Amino acid sequence: MQNNLIKISFKLNGNQVETEVLPELTVLEMLRRNFRLTAAKEGCGKGECGACTVMLNDKPINSCLKLAATLNSSDQVISVEGFNEDKLMNNIQQAFVEEGAVQCGFCIPGMTMASYHLLQHNPKPDEHAIKQALSGNICRCTGYRKIEAAVKKAADRRQ
């Protein structure tokens, strides 16, 4: 079995890392198993729910769909854990708390990653842009209004 392992190198949360993965291991599984980063969750395993969202080269991806073995040394993966000191992410997370947008919490890592990408590229999003940015993420608890209000609050604070 060990002969099937593939050695990969990439940048994870700002640090160059190396690990070995099976060819069928997804980025999500690798983050959770090899690096013990557990913020990204497997909701559907089919790229439909967004709970597994991470940033790959500054773009949000469903990490349950991307094979870890396809990462290379120039790739940069950022999970929620990689944003500990980031002012924008801290602003987003605080707005989620203040607006009551966090209930069970399962979808929140993906929601905050989608929100981060939106506010990085559109600091003054309107309601349509917020809904569009969050459209790849499913929440079963909040009904989205509180999440959309949190993104709006985080955007307004940046002004």
N, C-alpha and C. Protein backbone atom coordinates (compact mmCIF):
# COMPACT_ATOMS: atom_id res chain seq x y z
N MET A 1 0.82 -1.19 0.00
CA MET A 1 0.00 0.00 0.00
C MET A 1 0.87 1.26 0.00
N GLN A 2 1.96 1.23 0.73
CA GLN A 2 2.80 2.41 0.86
C GLN A 2 3.44 2.83 -0.47
N ASN A 3 3.57 1.90 -1.40
CA ASN A 3 4.13 2.23 -2.71
C ASN A 3 3.23 3.17 -3.48
N ASN A 4 1.95 3.25 -3.14
CA ASN A 4 1.00 4.11 -3.83
C ASN A 4 1.06 5.56 -3.36
N LEU A 5 1.78 5.83 -2.30
CA LEU A 5 1.83 7.19 -1.76
C LEU A 5 2.56 8.14 -2.71
N ILE A 6 2.03 9.33 -2.82
CA ILE A 6 2.61 10.36 -3.66
C ILE A 6 3.09 11.49 -2.75
N LYS A 7 4.33 11.90 -2.93
CA LYS A 7 4.88 12.99 -2.14
C LYS A 7 4.51 14.30 -2.81
N ILE A 8 3.92 15.22 -2.04
CA ILE A 8 3.55 16.53 -2.57
C ILE A 8 4.13 17.62 -1.69
N SER A 9 4.32 18.77 -2.29
CA SER A 9 4.82 19.95 -1.60
C SER A 9 3.98 21.13 -2.06
N PHE A 10 3.57 21.98 -1.12
CA PHE A 10 2.77 23.16 -1.43
C PHE A 10 2.83 24.09 -0.23
N LYS A 11 2.27 25.27 -0.39
CA LYS A 11 2.25 26.23 0.71
C LYS A 11 0.90 26.10 1.41
N LEU A 12 0.93 25.88 2.73
CA LEU A 12 -0.27 25.74 3.53
C LEU A 12 -0.28 26.80 4.63
N ASN A 13 -1.27 27.66 4.58
CA ASN A 13 -1.41 28.72 5.58
C ASN A 13 -0.11 29.49 5.79
N GLY A 14 0.56 29.76 4.67
CA GLY A 14 1.76 30.58 4.69
C GLY A 14 3.07 29.83 4.86
N ASN A 15 3.02 28.53 5.06
CA ASN A 15 4.23 27.74 5.27
C ASN A 15 4.38 26.68 4.18
N GLN A 16 5.60 26.52 3.68
CA GLN A 16 5.86 25.45 2.72
C GLN A 16 5.83 24.13 3.47
N VAL A 17 5.04 23.17 2.97
CA VAL A 17 4.90 21.88 3.63
C VAL A 17 5.10 20.75 2.63
N GLU A 18 5.40 19.58 3.15
CA GLU A 18 5.48 18.36 2.36
C GLU A 18 4.69 17.29 3.09
N THR A 19 4.07 16.43 2.33
CA THR A 19 3.35 15.29 2.91
C THR A 19 3.22 14.22 1.85
N GLU A 20 2.78 13.06 2.26
CA GLU A 20 2.52 11.96 1.34
C GLU A 20 1.03 11.66 1.38
N VAL A 21 0.46 11.43 0.19
CA VAL A 21 -0.97 11.17 0.08
C VAL A 21 -1.23 10.01 -0.87
N LEU A 22 -2.34 9.36 -0.65
CA LEU A 22 -2.81 8.37 -1.62
C LEU A 22 -3.38 9.12 -2.81
N PRO A 23 -3.35 8.55 -3.99
CA PRO A 23 -3.82 9.27 -5.19
C PRO A 23 -5.28 9.73 -5.09
N GLU A 24 -6.12 9.01 -4.37
CA GLU A 24 -7.55 9.35 -4.30
C GLU A 24 -7.90 10.28 -3.13
N LEU A 25 -6.93 10.68 -2.32
CA LEU A 25 -7.19 11.54 -1.17
C LEU A 25 -7.49 12.97 -1.62
N THR A 26 -8.57 13.54 -1.11
CA THR A 26 -8.93 14.92 -1.46
C THR A 26 -8.16 15.90 -0.59
N VAL A 27 -8.15 17.15 -1.00
CA VAL A 27 -7.52 18.21 -0.21
C VAL A 27 -8.18 18.26 1.17
N LEU A 28 -9.49 18.14 1.22
CA LEU A 28 -10.20 18.16 2.51
C LEU A 28 -9.70 17.04 3.42
N GLU A 29 -9.65 15.84 2.91
CA GLU A 29 -9.19 14.71 3.72
C GLU A 29 -7.74 14.89 4.16
N MET A 30 -6.91 15.41 3.27
CA MET A 30 -5.50 15.63 3.59
C MET A 30 -5.37 16.67 4.70
N LEU A 31 -6.12 17.78 4.59
CA LEU A 31 -6.04 18.82 5.62
C LEU A 31 -6.42 18.26 6.98
N ARG A 32 -7.47 17.48 7.01
CA ARG A 32 -7.97 16.95 8.27
C ARG A 32 -7.07 15.84 8.82
N ARG A 33 -6.62 14.93 7.97
CA ARG A 33 -5.83 13.77 8.42
C ARG A 33 -4.36 14.09 8.61
N ASN A 34 -3.75 14.68 7.60
CA ASN A 34 -2.30 14.88 7.62
C ASN A 34 -1.89 16.08 8.45
N PHE A 35 -2.74 17.13 8.48
CA PHE A 35 -2.35 18.37 9.14
C PHE A 35 -3.23 18.72 10.35
N ARG A 36 -4.25 17.91 10.60
CA ARG A 36 -5.17 18.10 11.73
C ARG A 36 -5.84 19.48 11.74
N LEU A 37 -6.14 19.97 10.54
CA LEU A 37 -6.88 21.22 10.38
C LEU A 37 -8.34 20.84 10.13
N THR A 38 -9.20 21.14 11.09
CA THR A 38 -10.55 20.59 11.07
C THR A 38 -11.66 21.61 10.86
N ALA A 39 -11.33 22.85 10.54
CA ALA A 39 -12.39 23.85 10.31
C ALA A 39 -13.23 23.49 9.10
N ALA A 40 -12.59 23.15 7.99
CA ALA A 40 -13.34 22.73 6.79
C ALA A 40 -13.99 21.39 7.08
N LYS A 41 -15.26 21.29 6.72
CA LYS A 41 -16.05 20.09 7.02
C LYS A 41 -16.49 19.40 5.74
N GLU A 42 -16.74 18.09 5.85
CA GLU A 42 -17.36 17.39 4.72
C GLU A 42 -18.85 17.33 5.00
N GLY A 43 -19.60 18.07 4.21
CA GLY A 43 -21.05 18.06 4.33
C GLY A 43 -21.65 17.06 3.36
N CYS A 44 -21.39 17.28 2.08
CA CYS A 44 -22.02 16.44 1.05
C CYS A 44 -21.00 15.57 0.33
N GLY A 45 -19.74 15.98 0.28
CA GLY A 45 -18.73 15.24 -0.45
C GLY A 45 -18.87 15.32 -1.96
N LYS A 46 -19.74 16.25 -2.42
CA LYS A 46 -20.01 16.36 -3.86
C LYS A 46 -19.87 17.80 -4.37
N GLY A 47 -19.33 18.70 -3.55
CA GLY A 47 -19.15 20.08 -3.99
C GLY A 47 -20.42 20.90 -4.03
N GLU A 48 -21.44 20.47 -3.33
CA GLU A 48 -22.73 21.16 -3.37
C GLU A 48 -22.97 22.09 -2.19
N CYS A 49 -22.35 21.81 -1.03
CA CYS A 49 -22.75 22.52 0.19
C CYS A 49 -21.80 23.63 0.62
N GLY A 50 -20.54 23.58 0.22
CA GLY A 50 -19.59 24.63 0.57
C GLY A 50 -18.96 24.52 1.95
N ALA A 51 -19.32 23.51 2.73
CA ALA A 51 -18.76 23.38 4.09
C ALA A 51 -17.26 23.13 4.07
N CYS A 52 -16.75 22.66 2.95
CA CYS A 52 -15.33 22.31 2.84
C CYS A 52 -14.50 23.41 2.17
N THR A 53 -15.06 24.59 1.99
CA THR A 53 -14.38 25.64 1.24
C THR A 53 -13.05 26.04 1.87
N VAL A 54 -12.03 26.08 1.04
CA VAL A 54 -10.71 26.64 1.38
C VAL A 54 -10.30 27.53 0.22
N MET A 55 -9.27 28.31 0.43
CA MET A 55 -8.73 29.14 -0.65
C MET A 55 -7.57 28.38 -1.30
N LEU A 56 -7.61 28.31 -2.62
CA LEU A 56 -6.50 27.75 -3.39
C LEU A 56 -6.06 28.83 -4.36
N ASN A 57 -4.85 29.32 -4.17
CA ASN A 57 -4.32 30.39 -5.01
C ASN A 57 -5.29 31.56 -5.07
N ASP A 58 -5.78 31.96 -3.90
CA ASP A 58 -6.66 33.12 -3.71
C ASP A 58 -8.06 32.95 -4.29
N LYS A 59 -8.48 31.73 -4.55
CA LYS A 59 -9.84 31.48 -5.02
C LYS A 59 -10.48 30.42 -4.14
N PRO A 60 -11.75 30.60 -3.78
CA PRO A 60 -12.41 29.58 -2.98
C PRO A 60 -12.68 28.33 -3.82
N ILE A 61 -12.40 27.17 -3.22
CA ILE A 61 -12.68 25.90 -3.89
C ILE A 61 -13.39 24.96 -2.92
N ASN A 62 -14.08 24.00 -3.47
CA ASN A 62 -14.63 22.90 -2.68
C ASN A 62 -13.52 21.88 -2.53
N SER A 63 -12.94 21.82 -1.35
CA SER A 63 -11.78 20.95 -1.14
C SER A 63 -12.14 19.47 -1.18
N CYS A 64 -13.43 19.15 -1.13
CA CYS A 64 -13.84 17.75 -1.23
C CYS A 64 -13.75 17.24 -2.68
N LEU A 65 -13.60 18.15 -3.63
CA LEU A 65 -13.53 17.76 -5.04
C LEU A 65 -12.12 17.77 -5.61
N LYS A 66 -11.20 18.42 -4.95
CA LYS A 66 -9.84 18.58 -5.47
C LYS A 66 -8.94 17.49 -4.89
N LEU A 67 -8.28 16.76 -5.75
CA LEU A 67 -7.36 15.73 -5.29
C LEU A 67 -6.08 16.37 -4.78
N ALA A 68 -5.65 15.94 -3.61
CA ALA A 68 -4.45 16.49 -2.99
C ALA A 68 -3.22 16.25 -3.85
N ALA A 69 -3.17 15.11 -4.53
CA ALA A 69 -2.01 14.76 -5.35
C ALA A 69 -1.80 15.72 -6.51
N THR A 70 -2.80 16.54 -6.84
CA THR A 70 -2.66 17.50 -7.94
C THR A 70 -2.03 18.80 -7.48
N LEU A 71 -1.81 18.97 -6.18
CA LEU A 71 -1.17 20.19 -5.68
C LEU A 71 0.31 20.16 -6.04
N ASN A 72 0.86 21.36 -6.30
CA ASN A 72 2.28 21.43 -6.59
C ASN A 72 2.92 22.54 -5.76
N SER A 73 4.23 22.67 -5.84
CA SER A 73 4.97 23.57 -4.96
C SER A 73 4.59 25.04 -5.13
N SER A 74 3.97 25.41 -6.23
CA SER A 74 3.57 26.81 -6.40
C SER A 74 2.15 27.08 -5.89
N ASP A 75 1.43 26.03 -5.51
CA ASP A 75 0.07 26.20 -5.00
C ASP A 75 0.07 26.71 -3.56
N GLN A 76 -0.91 27.58 -3.28
CA GLN A 76 -1.08 28.11 -1.93
C GLN A 76 -2.49 27.76 -1.45
N VAL A 77 -2.57 26.97 -0.38
CA VAL A 77 -3.83 26.58 0.22
C VAL A 77 -3.96 27.34 1.54
N ILE A 78 -5.11 27.97 1.74
CA ILE A 78 -5.37 28.63 3.02
C ILE A 78 -6.69 28.12 3.56
N SER A 79 -6.64 27.58 4.76
CA SER A 79 -7.84 27.15 5.47
C SER A 79 -8.22 28.25 6.45
N VAL A 80 -9.37 28.13 7.07
CA VAL A 80 -9.78 29.14 8.05
C VAL A 80 -8.70 29.33 9.11
N GLU A 81 -8.04 28.24 9.50
CA GLU A 81 -7.00 28.33 10.53
C GLU A 81 -5.85 29.25 10.10
N GLY A 82 -5.68 29.45 8.82
CA GLY A 82 -4.60 30.30 8.31
C GLY A 82 -4.90 31.79 8.38
N PHE A 83 -6.10 32.14 8.83
CA PHE A 83 -6.51 33.54 8.88
C PHE A 83 -6.50 34.11 10.30
N ASN A 84 -5.80 33.50 11.23
CA ASN A 84 -5.83 33.93 12.63
C ASN A 84 -5.50 35.40 12.83
N GLU A 85 -4.58 35.93 12.08
CA GLU A 85 -4.14 37.31 12.26
C GLU A 85 -4.68 38.25 11.19
N ASP A 86 -5.58 37.78 10.36
CA ASP A 86 -6.08 38.58 9.24
C ASP A 86 -7.21 39.50 9.70
N LYS A 87 -7.05 40.80 9.52
CA LYS A 87 -8.04 41.78 9.99
C LYS A 87 -9.38 41.62 9.29
N LEU A 88 -9.37 41.38 7.98
CA LEU A 88 -10.63 41.22 7.27
C LEU A 88 -11.39 40.00 7.77
N MET A 89 -10.70 38.87 7.91
CA MET A 89 -11.37 37.66 8.40
C MET A 89 -11.86 37.85 9.83
N ASN A 90 -11.07 38.50 10.67
CA ASN A 90 -11.52 38.76 12.04
C ASN A 90 -12.76 39.64 12.04
N ASN A 91 -12.82 40.62 11.16
CA ASN A 91 -13.98 41.49 11.02
C ASN A 91 -15.21 40.67 10.60
N ILE A 92 -15.04 39.80 9.64
CA ILE A 92 -16.14 38.95 9.16
C ILE A 92 -16.63 38.05 10.29
N GLN A 93 -15.72 37.39 10.97
CA GLN A 93 -16.10 36.48 12.05
C GLN A 93 -16.83 37.23 13.17
N GLN A 94 -16.36 38.42 13.51
CA GLN A 94 -17.02 39.21 14.55
C GLN A 94 -18.42 39.61 14.12
N ALA A 95 -18.59 39.99 12.87
CA ALA A 95 -19.90 40.37 12.35
C ALA A 95 -20.85 39.17 12.38
N PHE A 96 -20.35 37.98 12.07
CA PHE A 96 -21.19 36.78 12.14
C PHE A 96 -21.69 36.55 13.56
N VAL A 97 -20.83 36.74 14.54
CA VAL A 97 -21.23 36.58 15.93
C VAL A 97 -22.26 37.64 16.31
N GLU A 98 -21.97 38.88 16.01
CA GLU A 98 -22.86 39.98 16.38
C GLU A 98 -24.24 39.88 15.74
N GLU A 99 -24.31 39.37 14.54
CA GLU A 99 -25.59 39.26 13.83
C GLU A 99 -26.33 37.96 14.13
N GLY A 100 -25.75 37.12 14.96
CA GLY A 100 -26.38 35.85 15.27
C GLY A 100 -26.41 34.90 14.10
N ALA A 101 -25.43 35.02 13.21
CA ALA A 101 -25.38 34.21 12.01
C ALA A 101 -24.79 32.82 12.27
N VAL A 102 -24.26 32.61 13.46
CA VAL A 102 -23.66 31.33 13.81
C VAL A 102 -24.64 30.55 14.66
N GLN A 103 -25.12 29.45 14.15
CA GLN A 103 -26.00 28.61 14.95
C GLN A 103 -25.29 27.28 15.21
N CYS A 104 -25.48 26.29 14.38
CA CYS A 104 -24.78 25.02 14.65
C CYS A 104 -23.29 25.16 14.34
N GLY A 105 -22.94 26.07 13.43
CA GLY A 105 -21.55 26.34 13.11
C GLY A 105 -20.94 25.48 12.01
N PHE A 106 -21.64 24.47 11.55
CA PHE A 106 -21.08 23.54 10.57
C PHE A 106 -20.71 24.25 9.26
N CYS A 107 -21.57 25.14 8.79
CA CYS A 107 -21.35 25.80 7.50
C CYS A 107 -20.47 27.04 7.61
N ILE A 108 -20.24 27.53 8.81
CA ILE A 108 -19.61 28.84 9.00
C ILE A 108 -18.20 28.94 8.41
N PRO A 109 -17.33 27.94 8.55
CA PRO A 109 -16.02 28.10 7.89
C PRO A 109 -16.14 28.37 6.40
N GLY A 110 -17.00 27.64 5.72
CA GLY A 110 -17.20 27.86 4.28
C GLY A 110 -17.84 29.20 4.00
N MET A 111 -18.81 29.58 4.82
CA MET A 111 -19.49 30.88 4.64
C MET A 111 -18.49 32.03 4.82
N THR A 112 -17.63 31.92 5.83
CA THR A 112 -16.67 33.00 6.06
C THR A 112 -15.62 33.05 4.96
N MET A 113 -15.25 31.90 4.41
CA MET A 113 -14.29 31.89 3.30
C MET A 113 -14.91 32.55 2.07
N ALA A 114 -16.17 32.24 1.77
CA ALA A 114 -16.85 32.86 0.63
C ALA A 114 -17.00 34.36 0.86
N SER A 115 -17.31 34.75 2.08
CA SER A 115 -17.44 36.17 2.42
C SER A 115 -16.11 36.89 2.28
N TYR A 116 -15.05 36.26 2.71
CA TYR A 116 -13.71 36.84 2.61
C TYR A 116 -13.36 37.11 1.15
N HIS A 117 -13.57 36.11 0.30
CA HIS A 117 -13.26 36.27 -1.12
C HIS A 117 -14.08 37.42 -1.71
N LEU A 118 -15.35 37.47 -1.38
CA LEU A 118 -16.21 38.56 -1.87
C LEU A 118 -15.65 39.92 -1.45
N LEU A 119 -15.40 40.09 -0.16
CA LEU A 119 -14.99 41.42 0.34
C LEU A 119 -13.57 41.78 -0.09
N GLN A 120 -12.76 40.81 -0.42
CA GLN A 120 -11.45 41.10 -0.98
C GLN A 120 -11.58 41.76 -2.35
N HIS A 121 -12.54 41.29 -3.12
CA HIS A 121 -12.68 41.73 -4.50
C HIS A 121 -13.79 42.75 -4.72
N ASN A 122 -14.67 42.89 -3.74
CA ASN A 122 -15.78 43.83 -3.84
C ASN A 122 -16.06 44.39 -2.45
N PRO A 123 -15.36 45.45 -2.06
CA PRO A 123 -15.49 45.96 -0.70
C PRO A 123 -16.86 46.57 -0.38
N LYS A 124 -17.66 46.86 -1.40
CA LYS A 124 -18.99 47.45 -1.19
C LYS A 124 -20.06 46.63 -1.92
N PRO A 125 -20.23 45.38 -1.54
CA PRO A 125 -21.19 44.55 -2.28
C PRO A 125 -22.63 44.94 -1.97
N ASP A 126 -23.47 44.85 -2.98
CA ASP A 126 -24.90 45.04 -2.74
C ASP A 126 -25.51 43.69 -2.36
N GLU A 127 -26.80 43.68 -2.09
CA GLU A 127 -27.48 42.47 -1.64
C GLU A 127 -27.33 41.33 -2.66
N HIS A 128 -27.46 41.66 -3.94
CA HIS A 128 -27.34 40.65 -4.98
C HIS A 128 -25.94 40.02 -4.99
N ALA A 129 -24.91 40.86 -4.86
CA ALA A 129 -23.54 40.36 -4.87
C ALA A 129 -23.28 39.45 -3.66
N ILE A 130 -23.83 39.82 -2.51
CA ILE A 130 -23.66 38.99 -1.31
C ILE A 130 -24.34 37.64 -1.52
N LYS A 131 -25.57 37.66 -2.00
CA LYS A 131 -26.29 36.40 -2.24
C LYS A 131 -25.55 35.55 -3.27
N GLN A 132 -25.04 36.16 -4.30
CA GLN A 132 -24.31 35.43 -5.33
C GLN A 132 -23.05 34.79 -4.75
N ALA A 133 -22.32 35.55 -3.93
CA ALA A 133 -21.08 35.04 -3.34
C ALA A 133 -21.34 33.86 -2.41
N LEU A 134 -22.47 33.88 -1.72
CA LEU A 134 -22.80 32.82 -0.77
C LEU A 134 -23.56 31.66 -1.41
N SER A 135 -23.87 31.77 -2.69
CA SER A 135 -24.75 30.80 -3.34
C SER A 135 -24.18 29.38 -3.37
N GLY A 136 -22.90 29.21 -3.24
CA GLY A 136 -22.31 27.87 -3.23
C GLY A 136 -22.24 27.25 -1.86
N ASN A 137 -22.84 27.91 -0.88
CA ASN A 137 -22.80 27.44 0.51
C ASN A 137 -24.22 27.22 1.02
N ILE A 138 -24.43 26.08 1.64
CA ILE A 138 -25.75 25.75 2.17
C ILE A 138 -25.72 25.82 3.69
N CYS A 139 -26.76 26.45 4.24
CA CYS A 139 -26.95 26.50 5.69
C CYS A 139 -28.34 25.95 5.98
N ARG A 140 -28.43 25.04 6.92
CA ARG A 140 -29.72 24.45 7.26
C ARG A 140 -30.35 25.12 8.47
N CYS A 141 -29.66 26.05 9.12
CA CYS A 141 -30.15 26.60 10.39
C CYS A 141 -30.69 28.02 10.31
N THR A 142 -30.00 28.91 9.60
CA THR A 142 -30.27 30.34 9.77
C THR A 142 -31.29 30.94 8.82
N GLY A 143 -31.51 30.35 7.67
CA GLY A 143 -32.37 30.99 6.68
C GLY A 143 -31.65 32.08 5.91
N TYR A 144 -30.36 32.23 6.09
CA TYR A 144 -29.46 33.11 5.33
C TYR A 144 -29.57 34.60 5.67
N ARG A 145 -30.67 35.07 6.17
CA ARG A 145 -30.81 36.52 6.41
C ARG A 145 -29.74 37.03 7.37
N LYS A 146 -29.50 36.30 8.44
CA LYS A 146 -28.49 36.73 9.41
C LYS A 146 -27.09 36.64 8.81
N ILE A 147 -26.86 35.66 7.99
CA ILE A 147 -25.55 35.53 7.33
C ILE A 147 -25.34 36.70 6.37
N GLU A 148 -26.34 37.00 5.57
CA GLU A 148 -26.24 38.13 4.64
C GLU A 148 -26.06 39.44 5.40
N ALA A 149 -26.76 39.60 6.52
CA ALA A 149 -26.61 40.81 7.34
C ALA A 149 -25.19 40.90 7.91
N ALA A 150 -24.61 39.76 8.26
CA ALA A 150 -23.24 39.75 8.80
C ALA A 150 -22.24 40.19 7.73
N VAL A 151 -22.42 39.70 6.51
CA VAL A 151 -21.51 40.09 5.43
C VAL A 151 -21.65 41.59 5.16
N LYS A 152 -22.88 42.08 5.15
CA LYS A 152 -23.13 43.51 4.94
C LYS A 152 -22.46 44.34 6.04
N LYS A 153 -22.59 43.89 7.30
CA LYS A 153 -21.98 44.59 8.44
C LYS A 153 -20.45 44.61 8.30
N ALA A 154 -19.89 43.48 7.92
CA ALA A 154 -18.43 43.42 7.75
C ALA A 154 -17.99 44.35 6.65
N ALA A 155 -18.77 44.44 5.57
CA ALA A 155 -18.44 45.36 4.47
C ALA A 155 -18.56 46.81 4.93
N ASP A 156 -19.61 47.12 5.65
CA ASP A 156 -19.82 48.49 6.12
C ASP A 156 -18.71 48.95 7.05
N ARG A 157 -18.19 48.07 7.84
CA ARG A 157 -17.09 48.39 8.76
C ARG A 157 -15.80 48.74 8.03
N ARG A 158 -15.67 48.25 6.83
CA ARG A 158 -14.44 48.50 6.06
C ARG A 158 -14.45 49.90 5.45
N GLN A 159 -15.60 50.52 5.36
CA GLN A 159 -15.74 51.82 4.69
C GLN A 159 -14.99 52.90 5.43
